C-alpha atoms as a PDB file:
ATOM      1  CA  MET A   1      46.276  25.126  -5.439  1.00  0.00           C
ATOM      2  CA  PRO A   2      45.343  25.096  -1.742  1.00  0.00           C
ATOM      3  CA  ARG A   3      45.420  21.746  -0.154  1.00  0.00           C
ATOM      4  CA  VAL A   4      41.978  20.157   0.734  1.00  0.00           C
ATOM      5  CA  THR A   5      41.368  18.041   3.911  1.00  0.00           C
ATOM      6  CA  ARG A   6      38.113  16.509   4.111  1.00  0.00           C
ATOM      7  CA  GLY A   7      37.797  15.942   7.639  1.00  0.00           C
ATOM      8  CA  ASN A   8      35.351  13.534   8.675  1.00  0.00           C
ATOM      9  CA  LYS A   9      32.786  14.245   5.839  1.00  0.00           C
ATOM     10  CA  LYS A  10      33.882  10.801   3.857  1.00  0.00           C
ATOM     11  CA  LEU A  11      33.731   8.876   7.060  1.00  0.00           C
ATOM     12  CA  LEU A  12      30.261  10.057   8.122  1.00  0.00           C
ATOM     13  CA  ARG A  13      28.812   9.631   4.282  1.00  0.00           C
ATOM     14  CA  ARG A  14      30.223   5.956   4.711  1.00  0.00           C
ATOM     15  CA  LYS A  15      28.853   5.420   7.937  1.00  0.00           C
ATOM     16  CA  LYS A  16      25.252   6.608   6.890  1.00  0.00           C
ATOM     17  CA  ILE A  17      25.255   4.005   4.179  1.00  0.00           C
ATOM     18  CA  LEU A  18      26.227   1.145   5.949  1.00  0.00           C
ATOM     19  CA  LYS A  19      23.753   2.063   8.717  1.00  0.00           C
ATOM     20  CA  LEU A  20      21.235   1.816   6.023  1.00  0.00           C
ATOM     21  CA  ALA A  21      22.515  -1.338   4.974  1.00  0.00           C
ATOM     22  CA  LYS A  22      22.065  -2.895   8.343  1.00  0.00           C
ATOM     23  CA  GLY A  23      20.635  -6.699   7.908  1.00  0.00           C
ATOM     24  CA  PHE A  24      21.721  -6.974   4.556  1.00  0.00           C
ATOM     25  CA  PHE A  25      23.181 -10.304   3.821  1.00  0.00           C
ATOM     26  CA  GLY A  26      27.139 -10.718   3.216  1.00  0.00           C
ATOM     27  CA  ALA A  27      29.063  -8.137   1.581  1.00  0.00           C
ATOM     28  CA  LYS A  28      26.066  -5.856   0.884  1.00  0.00           C
ATOM     29  CA  ARG A  29      26.352  -5.565   4.408  1.00  0.00           C
ATOM     30  CA  LYS A  30      30.221  -4.550   4.871  1.00  0.00           C
ATOM     31  CA  ASN A  31      31.613  -3.332   1.820  1.00  0.00           C
ATOM     32  CA  TYR A  32      30.871   0.270   1.121  1.00  0.00           C
ATOM     33  CA  ARG A  33      30.436  -0.317  -2.796  1.00  0.00           C
ATOM     34  CA  SER A  34      28.263  -3.178  -2.690  1.00  0.00           C
ATOM     35  CA  ALA A  35      26.235  -1.671   0.392  1.00  0.00           C
ATOM     36  CA  LYS A  36      25.601   1.647  -1.494  1.00  0.00           C
ATOM     37  CA  GLU A  37      24.276  -0.034  -4.655  1.00  0.00           C
ATOM     38  CA  ALA A  38      22.153  -2.490  -2.540  1.00  0.00           C
ATOM     39  CA  VAL A  39      21.023   0.637  -0.243  1.00  0.00           C
ATOM     40  CA  GLU A  40      20.086   2.739  -3.521  1.00  0.00           C
ATOM     41  CA  ARG A  41      18.373  -0.084  -4.939  1.00  0.00           C
ATOM     42  CA  ALA A  42      16.096  -0.961  -1.715  1.00  0.00           C
ATOM     43  CA  LEU A  43      15.480   2.851  -1.689  1.00  0.00           C
ATOM     44  CA  GLN A  44      14.171   2.962  -5.047  1.00  0.00           C
ATOM     45  CA  TYR A  45      12.059   0.062  -4.237  1.00  0.00           C
ATOM     46  CA  SER A  46      10.613   1.429  -1.093  1.00  0.00           C
ATOM     47  CA  TYR A  47       9.710   4.575  -2.965  1.00  0.00           C
ATOM     48  CA  ARG A  48       7.971   2.554  -5.725  1.00  0.00           C
ATOM     49  CA  ASP A  49       6.290   0.454  -3.402  1.00  0.00           C
ATOM     50  CA  ARG A  50       4.796   3.060  -1.061  1.00  0.00           C
ATOM     51  CA  LYS A  51       2.655   4.067  -4.206  1.00  0.00           C
ATOM     52  CA  ALA A  52       2.084   0.311  -5.386  1.00  0.00           C
ATOM     53  CA  ARG A  53       0.599  -0.386  -1.673  1.00  0.00           C
ATOM     54  CA  LYS A  54      -2.201   1.883  -2.145  1.00  0.00           C
ATOM     55  CA  ARG A  55      -3.049   0.101  -5.710  1.00  0.00           C
ATOM     56  CA  ASP A  56      -2.845  -3.254  -4.003  1.00  0.00           C
ATOM     57  CA  PHE A  57      -5.204  -2.280  -1.061  1.00  0.00           C
ATOM     58  CA  ARG A  58      -7.712  -0.694  -3.266  1.00  0.00           C
ATOM     59  CA  ALA A  59      -7.634  -3.869  -5.300  1.00  0.00           C
ATOM     60  CA  LEU A  60      -8.327  -5.826  -2.413  1.00  0.00           C
ATOM     61  CA  TRP A  61     -11.235  -4.026  -0.998  1.00  0.00           C
ATOM     62  CA  ASN A  62     -12.751  -4.036  -4.447  1.00  0.00           C
ATOM     63  CA  THR A  63     -12.414  -7.587  -4.643  1.00  0.00           C
ATOM     64  CA  ARG A  64     -13.730  -8.126  -1.088  1.00  0.00           C
ATOM     65  CA  ILE A  65     -16.706  -6.103  -1.724  1.00  0.00           C
ATOM     66  CA  ASN A  66     -17.535  -8.000  -5.156  1.00  0.00           C
ATOM     67  CA  ALA A  67     -17.371 -11.338  -3.332  1.00  0.00           C
ATOM     68  CA  ALA A  68     -19.636 -10.054  -0.518  1.00  0.00           C
ATOM     69  CA  VAL A  69     -22.186  -8.280  -3.014  1.00  0.00           C
ATOM     70  CA  ARG A  70     -22.292 -11.594  -5.684  1.00  0.00           C
ATOM     71  CA  GLU A  71     -24.250 -13.219  -2.519  1.00  0.00           C
ATOM     72  CA  TYR A  72     -27.128 -10.987  -2.686  1.00  0.00           C
ATOM     73  CA  GLY A  73     -27.255 -11.197  -6.694  1.00  0.00           C
ATOM     74  CA  LEU A  74     -25.641  -7.844  -7.328  1.00  0.00           C
ATOM     75  CA  SER A  75     -22.590  -7.207  -9.272  1.00  0.00           C
ATOM     76  CA  TYR A  76     -19.690  -4.784  -7.858  1.00  0.00           C
ATOM     77  CA  SER A  77     -20.099  -1.901 -10.418  1.00  0.00           C
ATOM     78  CA  ARG A  78     -23.985  -1.940 -10.154  1.00  0.00           C
ATOM     79  CA  PHE A  79     -23.866  -1.867  -6.226  1.00  0.00           C
ATOM     80  CA  ILE A  80     -21.266   0.836  -6.211  1.00  0.00           C
ATOM     81  CA  ASP A  81     -23.244   3.025  -8.809  1.00  0.00           C
ATOM     82  CA  GLY A  82     -26.437   2.304  -6.532  1.00  0.00           C
ATOM     83  CA  LEU A  83     -24.526   3.838  -3.368  1.00  0.00           C
ATOM     84  CA  LYS A  84     -23.797   6.972  -5.496  1.00  0.00           C
ATOM     85  CA  LYS A  85     -27.347   7.074  -6.524  1.00  0.00           C
ATOM     86  CA  MET A  86     -28.622   7.047  -3.074  1.00  0.00           C
ATOM     87  CA  ASP A  87     -25.886   9.348  -1.877  1.00  0.00           C
ATOM     88  CA  ILE A  88     -24.511   6.907   0.552  1.00  0.00           C
ATOM     89  CA  ARG A  89     -20.843   7.941   1.337  1.00  0.00           C
ATOM     90  CA  LEU A  90     -18.873   4.818   2.500  1.00  0.00           C
ATOM     91  CA  ASN A  91     -15.538   4.616   1.114  1.00  0.00           C
ATOM     92  CA  ARG A  92     -14.219   0.913  -0.160  1.00  0.00           C
ATOM     93  CA  LYS A  93     -11.926   0.475   2.788  1.00  0.00           C
ATOM     94  CA  THR A  94     -14.953   0.738   5.196  1.00  0.00           C
ATOM     95  CA  LEU A  95     -17.586  -1.535   2.899  1.00  0.00           C
ATOM     96  CA  SER A  96     -14.867  -4.203   2.490  1.00  0.00           C
ATOM     97  CA  ASN A  97     -14.526  -4.065   6.635  1.00  0.00           C
ATOM     98  CA  LEU A  98     -18.020  -4.358   7.084  1.00  0.00           C
ATOM     99  CA  ALA A  99     -18.480  -7.146   4.280  1.00  0.00           C
ATOM    100  CA  ALA A 100     -15.551  -9.162   6.245  1.00  0.00           C
ATOM    101  CA  SER A 101     -16.361  -8.449  10.201  1.00  0.00           C
ATOM    102  CA  GLU A 102     -20.274  -7.359  10.003  1.00  0.00           C
ATOM    103  CA  PRO A 103     -22.116  -9.396   7.204  1.00  0.00           C
ATOM    104  CA  GLN A 104     -25.476  -8.452   8.697  1.00  0.00           C
ATOM    105  CA  THR A 105     -24.798  -4.842   8.604  1.00  0.00           C
ATOM    106  CA  PHE A 106     -23.311  -5.052   5.130  1.00  0.00           C
ATOM    107  CA  GLY A 107     -26.543  -7.169   3.973  1.00  0.00           C
ATOM    108  CA  LYS A 108     -28.950  -4.457   4.882  1.00  0.00           C
ATOM    109  CA  ILE A 109     -26.851  -1.983   2.900  1.00  0.00           C
ATOM    110  CA  VAL A 110     -26.858  -3.927  -0.177  1.00  0.00           C
ATOM    111  CA  GLU A 111     -30.696  -4.782   0.118  1.00  0.00           C
ATOM    112  CA  LYS A 112     -31.103  -1.030   0.412  1.00  0.00           C
ATOM    113  CA  VAL A 113     -29.183  -0.492  -2.679  1.00  0.00           C
ATOM    114  CA  LYS A 114     -31.085  -3.504  -4.278  1.00  0.00           C
ATOM    115  CA  SER A 115     -34.564  -2.035  -3.613  1.00  0.00           C
ATOM    116  CA  ASN A 116     -33.841   1.380  -4.828  1.00  0.00           C
ATOM    117  CA  ALA A 117     -31.973   0.296  -8.076  1.00  0.00           C
END
């Protein structure tokens, strides 16, 4: 059986993991085995939370819109339904920003939806 020399593959693999573990605390930064476990976990969290971030922001926008619409005596669901019936195509992020930064403009949209409902 021929003798296998690994060359620098093992070193490069370890360097890659330890580079990803930069900034971790204690042994998780220095020991390869601990670093590998911590990096794998961190990568799983980052993958999962890229999806969760989208959910979190949509929930935040919905909450902001609901709070702003309630001041005009309307519920969130009736407001969104009214927007769809009037064919006003503003996404929730835009509506949320309008409600927070330009209340007058948002108020005009709400009044328009209210008058047609």
